Amino acid sequence: IVTFFYMYALIELLAIFLDSGIIPTASTVYPWFTAVYCGLV
């Protein structure tokens, strides 16, 4: 169960960069970060 909470923490950490616009949607790395985010979810 602690593995589940670790993975949830990684999701929220990555969401900070995607949802807040720190990584712009027009950036070339945005699709890769989004793919990692979807994989973690």
PDB file of all heavy atoms in Angstrom:
ATOM      1  N   ILE A   1       0.831  -1.210   0.000  1.00  0.00           N
ATOM      2  CA  ILE A   1       0.000   0.000   0.000  1.00  0.00           C
ATOM      3  C   ILE A   1       0.864   1.259   0.000  1.00  0.00           C
ATOM      4  O   ILE A   1       0.463   2.293  -0.549  1.00  0.00           O
ATOM      5  CB  ILE A   1      -0.961  -0.005   1.209  1.00  0.00           C
ATOM      6  CG1 ILE A   1      -2.091   1.010   1.001  1.00  0.00           C
ATOM      7  CG2 ILE A   1      -0.226   0.286   2.496  1.00  0.00           C
ATOM      8  CD1 ILE A   1      -3.013   0.684  -0.123  1.00  0.00           C
ATOM      9  N   VAL A   2       2.057   1.187   0.593  1.00  0.00           N
ATOM     10  CA  VAL A   2       2.908   2.377   0.590  1.00  0.00           C
ATOM     11  C   VAL A   2       3.433   2.659  -0.818  1.00  0.00           C
ATOM     12  O   VAL A   2       3.715   3.816  -1.161  1.00  0.00           O
ATOM     13  CB  VAL A   2       4.072   2.208   1.589  1.00  0.00           C
ATOM     14  CG1 VAL A   2       5.194   1.361   1.035  1.00  0.00           C
ATOM     15  CG2 VAL A   2       4.619   3.573   2.017  1.00  0.00           C
ATOM     16  N   THR A   3       3.536   1.632  -1.659  1.00  0.00           N
ATOM     17  CA  THR A   3       3.897   1.841  -3.053  1.00  0.00           C
ATOM     18  C   THR A   3       2.840   2.674  -3.765  1.00  0.00           C
ATOM     19  O   THR A   3       3.154   3.554  -4.584  1.00  0.00           O
ATOM     20  CB  THR A   3       4.072   0.495  -3.770  1.00  0.00           C
ATOM     21  OG1 THR A   3       5.052  -0.288  -3.081  1.00  0.00           O
ATOM     22  CG2 THR A   3       4.509   0.694  -5.211  1.00  0.00           C
ATOM     23  N   PHE A   4       1.581   2.410  -3.452  1.00  0.00           N
ATOM     24  CA  PHE A   4       0.485   3.187  -4.033  1.00  0.00           C
ATOM     25  C   PHE A   4       0.596   4.658  -3.670  1.00  0.00           C
ATOM     26  O   PHE A   4       0.429   5.538  -4.532  1.00  0.00           O
ATOM     27  CB  PHE A   4      -0.850   2.613  -3.547  1.00  0.00           C
ATOM     28  CG  PHE A   4      -2.035   3.489  -3.844  1.00  0.00           C
ATOM     29  CD1 PHE A   4      -2.564   3.551  -5.121  1.00  0.00           C
ATOM     30  CD2 PHE A   4      -2.620   4.258  -2.841  1.00  0.00           C
ATOM     31  CE1 PHE A   4      -3.657   4.358  -5.398  1.00  0.00           C
ATOM     32  CE2 PHE A   4      -3.712   5.066  -3.108  1.00  0.00           C
ATOM     33  CZ  PHE A   4      -4.232   5.124  -4.393  1.00  0.00           C
ATOM     34  N   PHE A   5       0.915   4.956  -2.414  1.00  0.00           N
ATOM     35  CA  PHE A   5       1.025   6.358  -1.994  1.00  0.00           C
ATOM     36  C   PHE A   5       2.254   7.031  -2.601  1.00  0.00           C
ATOM     37  O   PHE A   5       2.217   8.234  -2.910  1.00  0.00           O
ATOM     38  CB  PHE A   5       1.056   6.444  -0.471  1.00  0.00           C
ATOM     39  CG  PHE A   5      -0.246   6.063   0.174  1.00  0.00           C
ATOM     40  CD1 PHE A   5      -0.348   4.926   0.947  1.00  0.00           C
ATOM     41  CD2 PHE A   5      -1.375   6.842   0.006  1.00  0.00           C
ATOM     42  CE1 PHE A   5      -1.542   4.564   1.534  1.00  0.00           C
ATOM     43  CE2 PHE A   5      -2.579   6.504   0.588  1.00  0.00           C
ATOM     44  CZ  PHE A   5      -2.664   5.357   1.352  1.00  0.00           C
ATOM     45  N   TYR A   6       3.335   6.297  -2.773  1.00  0.00           N
ATOM     46  CA  TYR A   6       4.508   6.859  -3.441  1.00  0.00           C
ATOM     47  C   TYR A   6       4.173   7.245  -4.883  1.00  0.00           C
ATOM     48  O   TYR A   6       4.566   8.326  -5.365  1.00  0.00           O
ATOM     49  CB  TYR A   6       5.663   5.857  -3.436  1.00  0.00           C
ATOM     50  CG  TYR A   6       6.447   5.828  -2.147  1.00  0.00           C
ATOM     51  CD1 TYR A   6       6.785   4.621  -1.534  1.00  0.00           C
ATOM     52  CD2 TYR A   6       6.884   7.013  -1.553  1.00  0.00           C
ATOM     53  CE1 TYR A   6       7.507   4.588  -0.355  1.00  0.00           C
ATOM     54  CE2 TYR A   6       7.609   6.994  -0.371  1.00  0.00           C
ATOM     55  CZ  TYR A   6       7.920   5.779   0.223  1.00  0.00           C
ATOM     56  OH  TYR A   6       8.639   5.751   1.392  1.00  0.00           O
ATOM     57  N   MET A   7       3.456   6.392  -5.569  1.00  0.00           N
ATOM     58  CA  MET A   7       3.099   6.677  -6.959  1.00  0.00           C
ATOM     59  C   MET A   7       2.122   7.845  -7.043  1.00  0.00           C
ATOM     60  O   MET A   7       2.206   8.661  -7.963  1.00  0.00           O
ATOM     61  CB  MET A   7       2.511   5.417  -7.602  1.00  0.00           C
ATOM     62  CG  MET A   7       3.491   4.263  -7.675  1.00  0.00           C
ATOM     63  SD  MET A   7       2.798   2.771  -8.399  1.00  0.00           S
ATOM     64  CE  MET A   7       2.643   3.284 -10.097  1.00  0.00           C
ATOM     65  N   TYR A   8       1.195   7.926  -6.098  1.00  0.00           N
ATOM     66  CA  TYR A   8       0.285   9.072  -6.077  1.00  0.00           C
ATOM     67  C   TYR A   8       1.047  10.376  -5.857  1.00  0.00           C
ATOM     68  O   TYR A   8       0.739  11.400  -6.473  1.00  0.00           O
ATOM     69  CB  TYR A   8      -0.759   8.878  -4.988  1.00  0.00           C
ATOM     70  CG  TYR A   8      -1.634  10.084  -4.765  1.00  0.00           C
ATOM     71  CD1 TYR A   8      -2.641  10.422  -5.669  1.00  0.00           C
ATOM     72  CD2 TYR A   8      -1.451  10.906  -3.651  1.00  0.00           C
ATOM     73  CE1 TYR A   8      -3.434  11.539  -5.475  1.00  0.00           C
ATOM     74  CE2 TYR A   8      -2.245  12.025  -3.447  1.00  0.00           C
ATOM     75  CZ  TYR A   8      -3.232  12.333  -4.363  1.00  0.00           C
ATOM     76  OH  TYR A   8      -4.008  13.452  -4.162  1.00  0.00           O
ATOM     77  N   ALA A   9       2.060  10.343  -5.002  1.00  0.00           N
ATOM     78  CA  ALA A   9       2.873  11.541  -4.769  1.00  0.00           C
ATOM     79  C   ALA A   9       3.609  11.959  -6.039  1.00  0.00           C
ATOM     80  O   ALA A   9       3.723  13.158  -6.340  1.00  0.00           O
ATOM     81  CB  ALA A   9       3.869  11.277  -3.633  1.00  0.00           C
ATOM     82  N   LEU A  10       4.112  10.993  -6.809  1.00  0.00           N
ATOM     83  CA  LEU A  10       4.780  11.320  -8.075  1.00  0.00           C
ATOM     84  C   LEU A  10       3.812  11.953  -9.073  1.00  0.00           C
ATOM     85  O   LEU A  10       4.168  12.886  -9.804  1.00  0.00           O
ATOM     86  CB  LEU A  10       5.407  10.058  -8.672  1.00  0.00           C
ATOM     87  CG  LEU A  10       6.647   9.500  -7.960  1.00  0.00           C
ATOM     88  CD1 LEU A  10       7.096   8.208  -8.624  1.00  0.00           C
ATOM     89  CD2 LEU A  10       7.776  10.529  -7.967  1.00  0.00           C
ATOM     90  N   ILE A  11       2.582  11.452  -9.097  1.00  0.00           N
ATOM     91  CA  ILE A  11       1.581  12.020  -9.998  1.00  0.00           C
ATOM     92  C   ILE A  11       1.324  13.488  -9.670  1.00  0.00           C
ATOM     93  O   ILE A  11       1.305  14.359 -10.557  1.00  0.00           O
ATOM     94  CB  ILE A  11       0.267  11.212  -9.914  1.00  0.00           C
ATOM     95  CG1 ILE A  11       0.453   9.839 -10.542  1.00  0.00           C
ATOM     96  CG2 ILE A  11      -0.876  11.957 -10.602  1.00  0.00           C
ATOM     97  CD1 ILE A  11      -0.755   8.940 -10.390  1.00  0.00           C
ATOM     98  N   GLU A  12       1.128  13.780  -8.400  1.00  0.00           N
ATOM     99  CA  GLU A  12       0.835  15.155  -8.009  1.00  0.00           C
ATOM    100  C   GLU A  12       2.038  16.065  -8.227  1.00  0.00           C
ATOM    101  O   GLU A  12       1.882  17.245  -8.564  1.00  0.00           O
ATOM    102  CB  GLU A  12       0.405  15.190  -6.536  1.00  0.00           C
ATOM    103  CG  GLU A  12      -0.907  14.465  -6.266  1.00  0.00           C
ATOM    104  CD  GLU A  12      -2.025  15.000  -7.133  1.00  0.00           C
ATOM    105  OE1 GLU A  12      -2.169  16.239  -7.242  1.00  0.00           O
ATOM    106  OE2 GLU A  12      -2.760  14.181  -7.722  1.00  0.00           O
ATOM    107  N   LEU A  13       3.229  15.529  -8.046  1.00  0.00           N
ATOM    108  CA  LEU A  13       4.427  16.332  -8.301  1.00  0.00           C
ATOM    109  C   LEU A  13       4.540  16.678  -9.782  1.00  0.00           C
ATOM    110  O   LEU A  13       4.845  17.831 -10.149  1.00  0.00           O
ATOM    111  CB  LEU A  13       5.667  15.571  -7.836  1.00  0.00           C
ATOM    112  CG  LEU A  13       7.015  16.275  -8.044  1.00  0.00           C
ATOM    113  CD1 LEU A  13       7.068  17.570  -7.241  1.00  0.00           C
ATOM    114  CD2 LEU A  13       8.171  15.353  -7.659  1.00  0.00           C
ATOM    115  N   LEU A  14       4.287  15.714 -10.634  1.00  0.00           N
ATOM    116  CA  LEU A  14       4.354  15.970 -12.064  1.00  0.00           C
ATOM    117  C   LEU A  14       3.214  16.868 -12.529  1.00  0.00           C
ATOM    118  O   LEU A  14       3.379  17.680 -13.458  1.00  0.00           O
ATOM    119  CB  LEU A  14       4.336  14.650 -12.827  1.00  0.00           C
ATOM    120  CG  LEU A  14       4.602  14.696 -14.335  1.00  0.00           C
ATOM    121  CD1 LEU A  14       5.951  15.352 -14.620  1.00  0.00           C
ATOM    122  CD2 LEU A  14       4.550  13.302 -14.922  1.00  0.00           C
ATOM    123  N   ALA A  15       2.055  16.749 -11.891  1.00  0.00           N
ATOM    124  CA  ALA A  15       0.910  17.584 -12.259  1.00  0.00           C
ATOM    125  C   ALA A  15       1.181  19.061 -11.999  1.00  0.00           C
ATOM    126  O   ALA A  15       0.597  19.930 -12.669  1.00  0.00           O
ATOM    127  CB  ALA A  15      -0.330  17.138 -11.496  1.00  0.00           C
ATOM    128  N   ILE A  16       2.042  19.365 -11.044  1.00  0.00           N
ATOM    129  CA  ILE A  16       2.388  20.762 -10.776  1.00  0.00           C
ATOM    130  C   ILE A  16       2.992  21.407 -12.011  1.00  0.00           C
ATOM    131  O   ILE A  16       2.668  22.550 -12.366  1.00  0.00           O
ATOM    132  CB  ILE A  16       3.348  20.856  -9.573  1.00  0.00           C
ATOM    133  CG1 ILE A  16       2.645  20.395  -8.286  1.00  0.00           C
ATOM    134  CG2 ILE A  16       3.872  22.277  -9.421  1.00  0.00           C
ATOM    135  CD1 ILE A  16       3.560  20.351  -7.087  1.00  0.00           C
ATOM    136  N   PHE A  17       3.855  20.675 -12.719  1.00  0.00           N
ATOM    137  CA  PHE A  17       4.516  21.222 -13.900  1.00  0.00           C
ATOM    138  C   PHE A  17       3.583  21.274 -15.106  1.00  0.00           C
ATOM    139  O   PHE A  17       3.715  22.163 -15.961  1.00  0.00           O
ATOM    140  CB  PHE A  17       5.748  20.390 -14.234  1.00  0.00           C
ATOM    141  CG  PHE A  17       6.801  20.418 -13.172  1.00  0.00           C
ATOM    142  CD1 PHE A  17       6.838  19.454 -12.178  1.00  0.00           C
ATOM    143  CD2 PHE A  17       7.760  21.417 -13.164  1.00  0.00           C
ATOM    144  CE1 PHE A  17       7.818  19.475 -11.198  1.00  0.00           C
ATOM    145  CE2 PHE A  17       8.743  21.459 -12.187  1.00  0.00           C
ATOM    146  CZ  PHE A  17       8.760  20.479 -11.194  1.00  0.00           C
ATOM    147  N   LEU A  18       2.641  20.352 -15.195  1.00  0.00           N
ATOM    148  CA  LEU A  18       1.759  20.301 -16.357  1.00  0.00           C
ATOM    149  C   LEU A  18       0.553  21.217 -16.206  1.00  0.00           C
ATOM    150  O   LEU A  18       0.192  21.943 -17.131  1.00  0.00           O
ATOM    151  CB  LEU A  18       1.294  18.859 -16.588  1.00  0.00           C
ATOM    152  CG  LEU A  18       2.381  17.855 -16.982  1.00  0.00           C
ATOM    153  CD1 LEU A  18       1.798  16.453 -17.074  1.00  0.00           C
ATOM    154  CD2 LEU A  18       3.029  18.247 -18.302  1.00  0.00           C
ATOM    155  N   ASP A  19      -0.082  21.191 -15.036  1.00  0.00           N
ATOM    156  CA  ASP A  19      -1.324  21.944 -14.855  1.00  0.00           C
ATOM    157  C   ASP A  19      -1.087  23.438 -14.650  1.00  0.00           C
ATOM    158  O   ASP A  19      -1.954  24.254 -14.977  1.00  0.00           O
ATOM    159  CB  ASP A  19      -2.108  21.388 -13.666  1.00  0.00           C
ATOM    160  CG  ASP A  19      -2.511  19.941 -13.884  1.00  0.00           C
ATOM    161  OD1 ASP A  19      -2.562  19.512 -15.047  1.00  0.00           O
ATOM    162  OD2 ASP A  19      -2.766  19.223 -12.885  1.00  0.00           O
ATOM    163  N   SER A  20       0.054  23.785 -14.086  1.00  0.00           N
ATOM    164  CA  SER A  20       0.310  25.197 -13.786  1.00  0.00           C
ATOM    165  C   SER A  20       0.902  25.962 -14.961  1.00  0.00           C
ATOM    166  O   SER A  20       1.056  27.183 -14.890  1.00  0.00           O
ATOM    167  CB  SER A  20       1.251  25.307 -12.580  1.00  0.00           C
ATOM    168  OG  SER A  20       2.505  24.716 -12.875  1.00  0.00           O
ATOM    169  N   GLY A  21       1.276  25.261 -16.023  1.00  0.00           N
ATOM    170  CA  GLY A  21       1.863  25.936 -17.173  1.00  0.00           C
ATOM    171  C   GLY A  21       3.352  26.150 -17.071  1.00  0.00           C
ATOM    172  O   GLY A  21       3.924  26.900 -17.882  1.00  0.00           O
ATOM    173  N   ILE A  22       3.991  25.545 -16.070  1.00  0.00           N
ATOM    174  CA  ILE A  22       5.455  25.652 -15.988  1.00  0.00           C
ATOM    175  C   ILE A  22       6.083  25.073 -17.250  1.00  0.00           C
ATOM    176  O   ILE A  22       7.060  25.616 -17.783  1.00  0.00           O
ATOM    177  CB  ILE A  22       5.969  24.945 -14.726  1.00  0.00           C
ATOM    178  CG1 ILE A  22       5.443  25.645 -13.469  1.00  0.00           C
ATOM    179  CG2 ILE A  22       7.489  24.892 -14.717  1.00  0.00           C
ATOM    180  CD1 ILE A  22       5.854  24.979 -12.180  1.00  0.00           C
ATOM    181  N   ILE A  23       5.526  23.970 -17.731  1.00  0.00           N
ATOM    182  CA  ILE A  23       5.916  23.430 -19.029  1.00  0.00           C
ATOM    183  C   ILE A  23       4.835  23.843 -20.030  1.00  0.00           C
ATOM    184  O   ILE A  23       3.708  23.333 -19.973  1.00  0.00           O
ATOM    185  CB  ILE A  23       6.040  21.894 -18.982  1.00  0.00           C
ATOM    186  CG1 ILE A  23       7.067  21.472 -17.924  1.00  0.00           C
ATOM    187  CG2 ILE A  23       6.442  21.343 -20.352  1.00  0.00           C
ATOM    188  CD1 ILE A  23       7.201  19.975 -17.768  1.00  0.00           C
ATOM    189  N   PRO A  24       5.094  24.758 -20.925  1.00  0.00           N
ATOM    190  CA  PRO A  24       4.054  25.234 -21.855  1.00  0.00           C
ATOM    191  C   PRO A  24       3.559  24.113 -22.761  1.00  0.00           C
ATOM    192  O   PRO A  24       4.307  23.188 -23.108  1.00  0.00           O
ATOM    193  CB  PRO A  24       4.765  26.333 -22.650  1.00  0.00           C
ATOM    194  CG  PRO A  24       5.961  26.702 -21.819  1.00  0.00           C
ATOM    195  CD  PRO A  24       6.371  25.460 -21.099  1.00  0.00           C
ATOM    196  N   THR A  25       2.304  24.216 -23.143  1.00  0.00           N
ATOM    197  CA  THR A  25       1.731  23.194 -24.023  1.00  0.00           C
ATOM    198  C   THR A  25       2.377  23.220 -25.408  1.00  0.00           C
ATOM    199  O   THR A  25       2.335  22.212 -26.122  1.00  0.00           O
ATOM    200  CB  THR A  25       0.220  23.410 -24.157  1.00  0.00           C
ATOM    201  OG1 THR A  25      -0.035  24.748 -24.609  1.00  0.00           O
ATOM    202  CG2 THR A  25      -0.472  23.206 -22.818  1.00  0.00           C
ATOM    203  N   ALA A  26       2.955  24.338 -25.790  1.00  0.00           N
ATOM    204  CA  ALA A  26       3.614  24.432 -27.092  1.00  0.00           C
ATOM    205  C   ALA A  26       5.029  23.887 -27.079  1.00  0.00           C
ATOM    206  O   ALA A  26       5.666  23.784 -28.139  1.00  0.00           O
ATOM    207  CB  ALA A  26       3.635  25.884 -27.562  1.00  0.00           C
ATOM    208  N   SER A  27       5.517  23.531 -25.918  1.00  0.00           N
ATOM    209  CA  SER A  27       6.881  23.036 -25.823  1.00  0.00           C
ATOM    210  C   SER A  27       6.987  21.643 -26.448  1.00  0.00           C
ATOM    211  O   SER A  27       6.045  20.842 -26.423  1.00  0.00           O
ATOM    212  CB  SER A  27       7.320  22.990 -24.356  1.00  0.00           C
ATOM    213  OG  SER A  27       8.594  22.389 -24.225  1.00  0.00           O
ATOM    214  N   THR A  28       8.158  21.338 -26.978  1.00  0.00           N
ATOM    215  CA  THR A  28       8.372  20.031 -27.605  1.00  0.00           C
ATOM    216  C   THR A  28       8.440  18.893 -26.597  1.00  0.00           C
ATOM    217  O   THR A  28       8.229  17.730 -26.954  1.00  0.00           O
ATOM    218  CB  THR A  28       9.669  20.048 -28.420  1.00  0.00           C
ATOM    219  OG1 THR A  28      10.763  20.433 -27.567  1.00  0.00           O
ATOM    220  CG2 THR A  28       9.562  21.043 -29.574  1.00  0.00           C
ATOM    221  N   VAL A  29       8.728  19.223 -25.332  1.00  0.00           N
ATOM    222  CA  VAL A  29       8.815  18.178 -24.311  1.00  0.00           C
ATOM    223  C   VAL A  29       7.470  17.951 -23.618  1.00  0.00           C
ATOM    224  O   VAL A  29       7.339  16.996 -22.842  1.00  0.00           O
ATOM    225  CB  VAL A  29       9.876  18.543 -23.256  1.00  0.00           C
ATOM    226  CG1 VAL A  29      11.248  18.662 -23.898  1.00  0.00           C
ATOM    227  CG2 VAL A  29       9.521  19.828 -22.514  1.00  0.00           C
ATOM    228  N   TYR A  30       6.504  18.798 -23.897  1.00  0.00           N
ATOM    229  CA  TYR A  30       5.208  18.662 -23.226  1.00  0.00           C
ATOM    230  C   TYR A  30       4.542  17.313 -23.512  1.00  0.00           C
ATOM    231  O   TYR A  30       4.031  16.669 -22.579  1.00  0.00           O
ATOM    232  CB  TYR A  30       4.290  19.810 -23.627  1.00  0.00           C
ATOM    233  CG  TYR A  30       2.965  19.812 -22.894  1.00  0.00           C
ATOM    234  CD1 TYR A  30       2.850  20.410 -21.644  1.00  0.00           C
ATOM    235  CD2 TYR A  30       1.836  19.221 -23.454  1.00  0.00           C
ATOM    236  CE1 TYR A  30       1.643  20.408 -20.961  1.00  0.00           C
ATOM    237  CE2 TYR A  30       0.629  19.207 -22.778  1.00  0.00           C
ATOM    238  CZ  TYR A  30       0.526  19.801 -21.534  1.00  0.00           C
ATOM    239  OH  TYR A  30      -0.667  19.792 -20.857  1.00  0.00           O
ATOM    240  N   PRO A  31       4.520  16.830 -24.762  1.00  0.00           N
ATOM    241  CA  PRO A  31       3.908  15.507 -24.990  1.00  0.00           C
ATOM    242  C   PRO A  31       4.589  14.378 -24.228  1.00  0.00           C
ATOM    243  O   PRO A  31       3.927  13.437 -23.774  1.00  0.00           O
ATOM    244  CB  PRO A  31       4.058  15.313 -26.512  1.00  0.00           C
ATOM    245  CG  PRO A  31       4.156  16.688 -27.064  1.00  0.00           C
ATOM    246  CD  PRO A  31       4.912  17.465 -26.028  1.00  0.00           C
ATOM    247  N   TRP A  32       5.893  14.480 -24.053  1.00  0.00           N
ATOM    248  CA  TRP A  32       6.607  13.421 -23.338  1.00  0.00           C
ATOM    249  C   TRP A  32       6.283  13.449 -21.843  1.00  0.00           C
ATOM    250  O   TRP A  32       6.090  12.396 -21.229  1.00  0.00           O
ATOM    251  CB  TRP A  32       8.114  13.563 -23.563  1.00  0.00           C
ATOM    252  CG  TRP A  32       8.505  13.337 -24.982  1.00  0.00           C
ATOM    253  CD1 TRP A  32       8.679  14.276 -25.953  1.00  0.00           C
ATOM    254  CD2 TRP A  32       8.742  12.077 -25.602  1.00  0.00           C
ATOM    255  NE1 TRP A  32       9.018  13.697 -27.140  1.00  0.00           N
ATOM    256  CE2 TRP A  32       9.074  12.337 -26.963  1.00  0.00           C
ATOM    257  CE3 TRP A  32       8.734  10.766 -25.155  1.00  0.00           C
ATOM    258  CZ2 TRP A  32       9.374  11.318 -27.864  1.00  0.00           C
ATOM    259  CZ3 TRP A  32       9.027   9.746 -26.054  1.00  0.00           C
ATOM    260  CH2 TRP A  32       9.337  10.021 -27.385  1.00  0.00           C
ATOM    261  N   PHE A  33       6.236  14.633 -21.270  1.00  0.00           N
ATOM    262  CA  PHE A  33       5.850  14.719 -19.865  1.00  0.00           C
ATOM    263  C   PHE A  33       4.400  14.263 -19.668  1.00  0.00           C
ATOM    264  O   PHE A  33       4.073  13.617 -18.670  1.00  0.00           O
ATOM    265  CB  PHE A  33       6.027  16.154 -19.359  1.00  0.00           C
ATOM    266  CG  PHE A  33       7.418  16.481 -18.919  1.00  0.00           C
ATOM    267  CD1 PHE A  33       8.342  17.005 -19.811  1.00  0.00           C
ATOM    268  CD2 PHE A  33       7.810  16.256 -17.618  1.00  0.00           C
ATOM    269  CE1 PHE A  33       9.630  17.300 -19.403  1.00  0.00           C
ATOM    270  CE2 PHE A  33       9.102  16.548 -17.191  1.00  0.00           C
ATOM    271  CZ  PHE A  33      10.019  17.071 -18.090  1.00  0.00           C
ATOM    272  N   THR A  34       3.549  14.596 -20.638  1.00  0.00           N
ATOM    273  CA  THR A  34       2.157  14.165 -20.541  1.00  0.00           C
ATOM    274  C   THR A  34       2.046  12.656 -20.647  1.00  0.00           C
ATOM    275  O   THR A  34       1.234  12.019 -19.953  1.00  0.00           O
ATOM    276  CB  THR A  34       1.323  14.833 -21.661  1.00  0.00           C
ATOM    277  OG1 THR A  34       1.476  16.252 -21.572  1.00  0.00           O
ATOM    278  CG2 THR A  34      -0.139  14.474 -21.523  1.00  0.00           C
ATOM    279  N   ALA A  35       2.859  12.058 -21.509  1.00  0.00           N
ATOM    280  CA  ALA A  35       2.857  10.600 -21.634  1.00  0.00           C
ATOM    281  C   ALA A  35       3.317   9.937 -20.340  1.00  0.00           C
ATOM    282  O   ALA A  35       2.749   8.919 -19.911  1.00  0.00           O
ATOM    283  CB  ALA A  35       3.747  10.174 -22.798  1.00  0.00           C
ATOM    284  N   VAL A  36       4.335  10.503 -19.715  1.00  0.00           N
ATOM    285  CA  VAL A  36       4.789   9.973 -18.425  1.00  0.00           C
ATOM    286  C   VAL A  36       3.690  10.112 -17.372  1.00  0.00           C
ATOM    287  O   VAL A  36       3.451   9.201 -16.571  1.00  0.00           O
ATOM    288  CB  VAL A  36       6.072  10.686 -17.970  1.00  0.00           C
ATOM    289  CG1 VAL A  36       6.451  10.271 -16.556  1.00  0.00           C
ATOM    290  CG2 VAL A  36       7.211  10.372 -18.931  1.00  0.00           C
ATOM    291  N   TYR A  37       3.001  11.248 -17.392  1.00  0.00           N
ATOM    292  CA  TYR A  37       1.907  11.479 -16.446  1.00  0.00           C
ATOM    293  C   TYR A  37       0.787  10.458 -16.655  1.00  0.00           C
ATOM    294  O   TYR A  37       0.290   9.859 -15.682  1.00  0.00           O
ATOM    295  CB  TYR A  37       1.371  12.894 -16.617  1.00  0.00           C
ATOM    296  CG  TYR A  37       0.170  13.210 -15.761  1.00  0.00           C
ATOM    297  CD1 TYR A  37       0.335  13.592 -14.435  1.00  0.00           C
ATOM    298  CD2 TYR A  37      -1.117  13.130 -16.281  1.00  0.00           C
ATOM    299  CE1 TYR A  37      -0.764  13.881 -13.642  1.00  0.00           C
ATOM    300  CE2 TYR A  37      -2.219  13.418 -15.500  1.00  0.00           C
ATOM    301  CZ  TYR A  37      -2.038  13.790 -14.179  1.00  0.00           C
ATOM    302  OH  TYR A  37      -3.135  14.066 -13.396  1.00  0.00           O
ATOM    303  N   CYS A  38       0.395  10.236 -17.888  1.00  0.00           N
ATOM    304  CA  CYS A  38      -0.653   9.242 -18.166  1.00  0.00           C
ATOM    305  C   CYS A  38      -0.212   7.839 -17.748  1.00  0.00           C
ATOM    306  O   CYS A  38      -1.008   7.054 -17.211  1.00  0.00           O
ATOM    307  CB  CYS A  38      -1.004   9.260 -19.656  1.00  0.00           C
ATOM    308  SG  CYS A  38      -1.777  10.790 -20.224  1.00  0.00           S
ATOM    309  N   GLY A  39       1.064   7.522 -18.002  1.00  0.00           N
ATOM    310  CA  GLY A  39       1.578   6.220 -17.580  1.00  0.00           C
ATOM    311  C   GLY A  39       1.548   6.040 -16.082  1.00  0.00           C
ATOM    312  O   GLY A  39       1.201   4.963 -15.576  1.00  0.00           O
ATOM    313  N   LEU A  40       1.913   7.082 -15.342  1.00  0.00           N
ATOM    314  CA  LEU A  40       1.872   7.009 -13.883  1.00  0.00           C
ATOM    315  C   LEU A  40       0.443   6.854 -13.367  1.00  0.00           C
ATOM    316  O   LEU A  40       0.201   6.103 -12.408  1.00  0.00           O
ATOM    317  CB  LEU A  40       2.520   8.255 -13.284  1.00  0.00           C
ATOM    318  CG  LEU A  40       4.048   8.306 -13.286  1.00  0.00           C
ATOM    319  CD1 LEU A  40       4.528   9.663 -12.778  1.00  0.00           C
ATOM    320  CD2 LEU A  40       4.624   7.186 -12.428  1.00  0.00           C
ATOM    321  N   VAL A  41      -0.489   7.554 -13.983  1.00  0.00           N
ATOM    322  CA  VAL A  41      -1.888   7.442 -13.556  1.00  0.00           C
ATOM    323  C   VAL A  41      -2.388   6.018 -13.750  1.00  0.00           C
ATOM    324  O   VAL A  41      -2.989   5.410 -12.846  1.00  0.00           O
ATOM    325  CB  VAL A  41      -2.764   8.441 -14.332  1.00  0.00           C
ATOM    326  CG1 VAL A  41      -4.243   8.170 -14.068  1.00  0.00           C
ATOM    327  CG2 VAL A  41      -2.424   9.866 -13.928  1.00  0.00           C
TER     328      VAL A  41
END
